[in-house]
Structure formats: structure tokens, C-alpha cells
C-alpha atoms as a PDB file:
ATOM      1  CA  UNK A   1     -26.193  36.969 -53.114  1.00  0.00           C
ATOM      2  CA  UNK A   2     -26.081  39.033 -49.954  1.00  0.00           C
ATOM      3  CA  UNK A   3     -25.040  42.632 -50.551  1.00  0.00           C
ATOM      4  CA  UNK A   4     -24.269  44.999 -47.669  1.00  0.00           C
ATOM      5  CA  UNK A   5     -23.641  48.729 -48.058  1.00  0.00           C
ATOM      6  CA  UNK A   6     -22.468  50.908 -45.159  1.00  0.00           C
ATOM      7  CA  UNK A   7     -21.531  54.584 -45.083  1.00  0.00           C
ATOM      8  CA  UNK A   8     -19.836  56.847 -42.560  1.00  0.00           C
ATOM      9  CA  UNK A   9     -19.063  60.562 -42.759  1.00  0.00           C
ATOM     10  CA  UNK A  10     -15.451  61.209 -43.754  1.00  0.00           C
ATOM     11  CA  UNK A  11     -13.787  63.922 -41.636  1.00  0.00           C
ATOM     12  CA  UNK A  12     -12.171  65.476 -44.729  1.00  0.00           C
ATOM     13  CA  UNK A  13     -15.179  65.491 -47.084  1.00  0.00           C
ATOM     14  CA  UNK A  14     -17.914  63.253 -48.441  1.00  0.00           C
ATOM     15  CA  UNK A  15     -18.504  59.718 -47.221  1.00  0.00           C
ATOM     16  CA  UNK A  16     -16.558  56.506 -46.841  1.00  0.00           C
ATOM     17  CA  UNK A  17     -18.650  53.699 -48.314  1.00  0.00           C
ATOM     18  CA  UNK A  18     -18.053  50.016 -47.631  1.00  0.00           C
ATOM     19  CA  UNK A  19     -19.516  47.418 -50.003  1.00  0.00           C
ATOM     20  CA  UNK A  20     -19.515  43.743 -49.054  1.00  0.00           C
ATOM     21  CA  UNK A  21     -20.853  40.891 -51.201  1.00  0.00           C
ATOM     22  CA  UNK A  22     -21.275  37.279 -50.054  1.00  0.00           C
ATOM     23  CA  UNK A  23     -22.245  34.586 -52.545  1.00  0.00           C
ATOM     24  CA  UNK A  24     -24.895  32.052 -51.578  1.00  0.00           C
ATOM     25  CA  UNK A  25     -24.193  28.315 -51.731  1.00  0.00           C
ATOM     26  CA  UNK A  26     -23.539  27.243 -55.319  1.00  0.00           C
ATOM     27  CA  UNK A  27     -22.878  30.801 -56.500  1.00  0.00           C
ATOM     28  CA  UNK A  28     -19.665  32.563 -57.453  1.00  0.00           C
ATOM     29  CA  UNK A  29     -19.145  36.300 -57.861  1.00  0.00           C
ATOM     30  CA  UNK A  30     -18.349  37.017 -61.501  1.00  0.00           C
ATOM     31  CA  UNK A  31     -18.749  40.817 -61.738  1.00  0.00           C
ATOM     32  CA  UNK A  32     -19.377  43.678 -59.302  1.00  0.00           C
ATOM     33  CA  UNK A  33     -20.393  47.178 -60.356  1.00  0.00           C
ATOM     34  CA  UNK A  34     -20.819  50.088 -57.943  1.00  0.00           C
ATOM     35  CA  UNK A  35     -22.346  53.468 -58.780  1.00  0.00           C
ATOM     36  CA  UNK A  36     -22.302  56.470 -56.454  1.00  0.00           C
ATOM     37  CA  UNK A  37     -24.867  59.166 -57.275  1.00  0.00           C
ATOM     38  CA  UNK A  38     -25.228  57.687 -60.768  1.00  0.00           C
ATOM     39  CA  UNK A  39     -21.498  57.718 -61.563  1.00  0.00           C
ATOM     40  CA  UNK A  40     -19.638  54.416 -62.093  1.00  0.00           C
ATOM     41  CA  UNK A  41     -16.990  53.933 -59.394  1.00  0.00           C
ATOM     42  CA  UNK A  42     -16.147  50.222 -59.632  1.00  0.00           C
ATOM     43  CA  UNK A  43     -16.401  47.621 -62.394  1.00  0.00           C
ATOM     44  CA  UNK A  44     -14.569  44.537 -61.124  1.00  0.00           C
ATOM     45  CA  UNK A  45     -14.378  40.952 -62.361  1.00  0.00           C
ATOM     46  CA  UNK A  46     -12.575  39.322 -59.431  1.00  0.00           C
ATOM     47  CA  UNK A  47     -11.762  35.925 -60.976  1.00  0.00           C
ATOM     48  CA  UNK A  48     -12.756  32.292 -60.633  1.00  0.00           C
ATOM     49  CA  UNK A  49     -14.356  30.766 -57.560  1.00  0.00           C
ATOM     50  CA  UNK A  50     -14.795  34.010 -55.605  1.00  0.00           C
ATOM     51  CA  UNK A  51     -17.340  33.656 -52.809  1.00  0.00           C
ATOM     52  CA  UNK A  52     -16.890  37.036 -51.114  1.00  0.00           C
ATOM     53  CA  UNK A  53     -15.848  40.512 -52.201  1.00  0.00           C
ATOM     54  CA  UNK A  54     -15.341  43.774 -50.284  1.00  0.00           C
ATOM     55  CA  UNK A  55     -14.217  47.251 -51.271  1.00  0.00           C
ATOM     56  CA  UNK A  56     -14.098  50.590 -49.473  1.00  0.00           C
ATOM     57  CA  UNK A  57     -14.588  53.820 -51.410  1.00  0.00           C
ATOM     58  CA  UNK A  58     -13.180  56.900 -49.691  1.00  0.00           C
ATOM     59  CA  UNK A  59     -14.494  60.479 -49.833  1.00  0.00           C
ATOM     60  CA  UNK A  60     -17.414  59.791 -52.197  1.00  0.00           C
ATOM     61  CA  UNK A  61     -20.814  61.405 -52.471  1.00  0.00           C
ATOM     62  CA  UNK A  62     -21.723  64.776 -51.005  1.00  0.00           C
ATOM     63  CA  UNK A  63     -22.204  66.170 -47.518  1.00  0.00           C
ATOM     64  CA  UNK A  64     -24.636  67.718 -46.935  1.00  0.00           C
ATOM     65  CA  UNK A  65     -26.978  66.426 -49.598  1.00  0.00           C
ATOM     66  CA  UNK A  66     -28.707  63.395 -51.034  1.00  0.00           C
ATOM     67  CA  UNK A  67     -26.625  60.329 -51.828  1.00  0.00           C
ATOM     68  CA  UNK A  68     -27.345  57.066 -53.615  1.00  0.00           C
ATOM     69  CA  UNK A  69     -25.205  53.918 -53.880  1.00  0.00           C
ATOM     70  CA  UNK A  70     -26.204  51.113 -56.226  1.00  0.00           C
ATOM     71  CA  UNK A  71     -24.439  47.737 -56.299  1.00  0.00           C
ATOM     72  CA  UNK A  72     -25.018  45.278 -59.159  1.00  0.00           C
ATOM     73  CA  UNK A  73     -23.549  41.774 -58.898  1.00  0.00           C
ATOM     74  CA  UNK A  74     -23.564  39.047 -61.538  1.00  0.00           C
ATOM     75  CA  UNK A  75     -22.894  35.414 -60.700  1.00  0.00           C
ATOM     76  CA  UNK A  76     -21.183  32.813 -62.893  1.00  0.00           C
ATOM     77  CA  UNK A  77     -24.483  32.148 -64.701  1.00  0.00           C
ATOM     78  CA  UNK A  78     -25.166  35.803 -65.482  1.00  0.00           C
ATOM     79  CA  UNK A  79     -27.912  36.094 -62.853  1.00  0.00           C
ATOM     80  CA  UNK A  80     -28.046  39.614 -61.443  1.00  0.00           C
ATOM     81  CA  UNK A  81     -28.533  40.793 -57.862  1.00  0.00           C
ATOM     82  CA  UNK A  82     -28.952  44.452 -56.897  1.00  0.00           C
ATOM     83  CA  UNK A  83     -28.873  46.530 -53.750  1.00  0.00           C
ATOM     84  CA  UNK A  84     -29.344  50.255 -53.273  1.00  0.00           C
ATOM     85  CA  UNK A  85     -28.906  52.593 -50.344  1.00  0.00           C
ATOM     86  CA  UNK A  86     -30.024  56.236 -50.212  1.00  0.00           C
ATOM     87  CA  UNK A  87     -29.428  58.816 -47.498  1.00  0.00           C
ATOM     88  CA  UNK A  88     -29.112  62.561 -46.945  1.00  0.00           C
END
């Protein structure tokens, strides 16, 4: 699995966070969980035969301050992939 996390300052408050997951050959995305600063934001089971998944979270985290996004993805076999991004 390839997991990409991007963040950009939201003009109103917090951050806009974009999460993109691409399955490798022979894999399917079964479940995606996203936590922002330790709090669950997304728990999605997108369905059968999903090879890519993307979601944007608006006005999350804190500005100024430390932020942490963790993405946990399970494939159709239950194998887990993780990515984490931290910034202040």
C-alpha cells in the first residue's frame, strides 16, 4: 500500500488534511482508519475491489501547535499498512 498524507493551513482555522491510499498489485483496500491528534476521524470500509481511496478532512488539528495524523489501512487479507505525519 502507498499512503500519502498532505496538509495545508486552512484560512478559517486548523488544517485541511488530504489522505490518499493506493493499493499495490494484487491488493484491495478493505478498511481505512484516520486519526488526527489521537482522535478517530474516519473509519471506512469502502467495499469490494477498491484499489484507491482519498478523503479530505477540513479544519482539523490545531494552529499553532503540534499535530499528528495516523493512517491505518487493512487489505483484503487483513494485512496492515501504516503511515504517520507530524508537524507544528
